[in-house]
Amino acid sequence: MTADVVNLRGARKERERRKKRSAADANAAKFGRTPEQRKLAEARADLEKNRLDAHQMGKPDRDAQDLS
């Protein structure tokens, strides 16, 4: 039985390539959208923001904060 010889430099480079490739795939999924998809996502985000703002309770008065 003999063990396979592994070139550590090559293994390190291959590991770095896989890491960069996974980061590139993540960026492609995050930023690689069509203009229609971006508009739809923006419209949904605006709708959610407006929906959340509509349920917000009144803000405290500034005078009440300055008394402390």
C-alpha atoms as a PDB file:
ATOM      1  CA  MET A   1       0.000   0.000   0.000  1.00  0.00           C
ATOM      2  CA  THR A   2       1.351   3.350  -1.015  1.00  0.00           C
ATOM      3  CA  ALA A   3      -0.183   6.701  -0.309  1.00  0.00           C
ATOM      4  CA  ASP A   4      -0.910   9.155  -3.080  1.00  0.00           C
ATOM      5  CA  VAL A   5       1.506  12.039  -3.275  1.00  0.00           C
ATOM      6  CA  VAL A   6      -0.247  15.366  -2.895  1.00  0.00           C
ATOM      7  CA  ASN A   7       1.232  18.625  -4.053  1.00  0.00           C
ATOM      8  CA  LEU A   8       0.315  20.976  -1.200  1.00  0.00           C
ATOM      9  CA  ARG A   9       0.741  24.094  -3.321  1.00  0.00           C
ATOM     10  CA  GLY A  10      -1.685  22.715  -5.915  1.00  0.00           C
ATOM     11  CA  ALA A  11      -4.165  21.680  -3.237  1.00  0.00           C
ATOM     12  CA  ARG A  12      -4.027  25.151  -1.699  1.00  0.00           C
ATOM     13  CA  LYS A  13      -4.574  26.811  -5.065  1.00  0.00           C
ATOM     14  CA  GLU A  14      -7.505  24.509  -5.864  1.00  0.00           C
ATOM     15  CA  ARG A  15      -9.084  25.273  -2.477  1.00  0.00           C
ATOM     16  CA  GLU A  16      -8.731  29.024  -3.142  1.00  0.00           C
ATOM     17  CA  ARG A  17     -10.249  28.608  -6.611  1.00  0.00           C
ATOM     18  CA  ARG A  18     -13.263  26.796  -5.152  1.00  0.00           C
ATOM     19  CA  LYS A  19     -13.666  29.537  -2.532  1.00  0.00           C
ATOM     20  CA  LYS A  20     -13.548  32.292  -5.176  1.00  0.00           C
ATOM     21  CA  ARG A  21     -15.935  30.376  -7.425  1.00  0.00           C
ATOM     22  CA  SER A  22     -18.486  30.028  -4.612  1.00  0.00           C
ATOM     23  CA  ALA A  23     -18.194  33.757  -3.835  1.00  0.00           C
ATOM     24  CA  ALA A  24     -18.664  34.560  -7.530  1.00  0.00           C
ATOM     25  CA  ASP A  25     -21.745  32.328  -7.679  1.00  0.00           C
ATOM     26  CA  ALA A  26     -23.186  34.082  -4.635  1.00  0.00           C
ATOM     27  CA  ASN A  27     -22.571  37.501  -6.213  1.00  0.00           C
ATOM     28  CA  ALA A  28     -24.125  36.350  -9.480  1.00  0.00           C
ATOM     29  CA  ALA A  29     -27.234  35.266  -7.615  1.00  0.00           C
ATOM     30  CA  LYS A  30     -27.341  38.516  -5.644  1.00  0.00           C
ATOM     31  CA  PHE A  31     -26.560  41.024  -8.388  1.00  0.00           C
ATOM     32  CA  GLY A  32     -27.241  39.117 -11.595  1.00  0.00           C
ATOM     33  CA  ARG A  33     -30.915  39.970 -11.895  1.00  0.00           C
ATOM     34  CA  THR A  34     -32.881  41.308 -14.826  1.00  0.00           C
ATOM     35  CA  PRO A  35     -34.212  44.878 -14.686  1.00  0.00           C
ATOM     36  CA  GLU A  36     -37.742  43.522 -14.288  1.00  0.00           C
ATOM     37  CA  GLN A  37     -36.694  41.447 -11.298  1.00  0.00           C
ATOM     38  CA  ARG A  38     -34.973  44.476  -9.744  1.00  0.00           C
ATOM     39  CA  LYS A  39     -38.069  46.652 -10.239  1.00  0.00           C
ATOM     40  CA  LEU A  40     -40.278  43.962  -8.737  1.00  0.00           C
ATOM     41  CA  ALA A  41     -37.996  43.550  -5.718  1.00  0.00           C
ATOM     42  CA  GLU A  42     -37.854  47.333  -5.239  1.00  0.00           C
ATOM     43  CA  ALA A  43     -41.648  47.621  -5.462  1.00  0.00           C
ATOM     44  CA  ARG A  44     -42.075  44.833  -2.911  1.00  0.00           C
ATOM     45  CA  ALA A  45     -39.571  46.482  -0.556  1.00  0.00           C
ATOM     46  CA  ASP A  46     -41.382  49.829  -0.870  1.00  0.00           C
ATOM     47  CA  LEU A  47     -44.714  48.145  -0.203  1.00  0.00           C
ATOM     48  CA  GLU A  48     -43.357  46.447   2.923  1.00  0.00           C
ATOM     49  CA  LYS A  49     -41.749  49.696   4.132  1.00  0.00           C
ATOM     50  CA  ASN A  50     -44.988  51.621   3.645  1.00  0.00           C
ATOM     51  CA  ARG A  51     -46.958  48.865   5.348  1.00  0.00           C
ATOM     52  CA  LEU A  52     -44.582  48.954   8.311  1.00  0.00           C
ATOM     53  CA  ASP A  53     -44.621  52.750   8.506  1.00  0.00           C
ATOM     54  CA  ALA A  54     -48.425  52.725   8.497  1.00  0.00           C
ATOM     55  CA  HIS A  55     -48.397  50.655  11.685  1.00  0.00           C
ATOM     56  CA  GLN A  56     -45.819  52.802  13.470  1.00  0.00           C
ATOM     57  CA  MET A  57     -46.948  54.447  16.667  1.00  0.00           C
ATOM     58  CA  GLY A  58     -46.478  58.188  17.138  1.00  0.00           C
ATOM     59  CA  LYS A  59     -43.006  59.450  17.877  1.00  0.00           C
ATOM     60  CA  PRO A  60     -42.364  60.999  21.311  1.00  0.00           C
ATOM     61  CA  ASP A  61     -42.157  64.778  21.517  1.00  0.00           C
ATOM     62  CA  ARG A  62     -38.724  66.338  21.402  1.00  0.00           C
ATOM     63  CA  ASP A  63     -39.544  68.533  24.405  1.00  0.00           C
ATOM     64  CA  ALA A  64     -40.167  65.486  26.553  1.00  0.00           C
ATOM     65  CA  GLN A  65     -36.712  64.128  25.677  1.00  0.00           C
ATOM     66  CA  ASP A  66     -34.954  67.429  26.412  1.00  0.00           C
ATOM     67  CA  LEU A  67     -36.263  67.563  29.997  1.00  0.00           C
ATOM     68  CA  SER A  68     -34.083  64.704  31.158  1.00  0.00           C
END
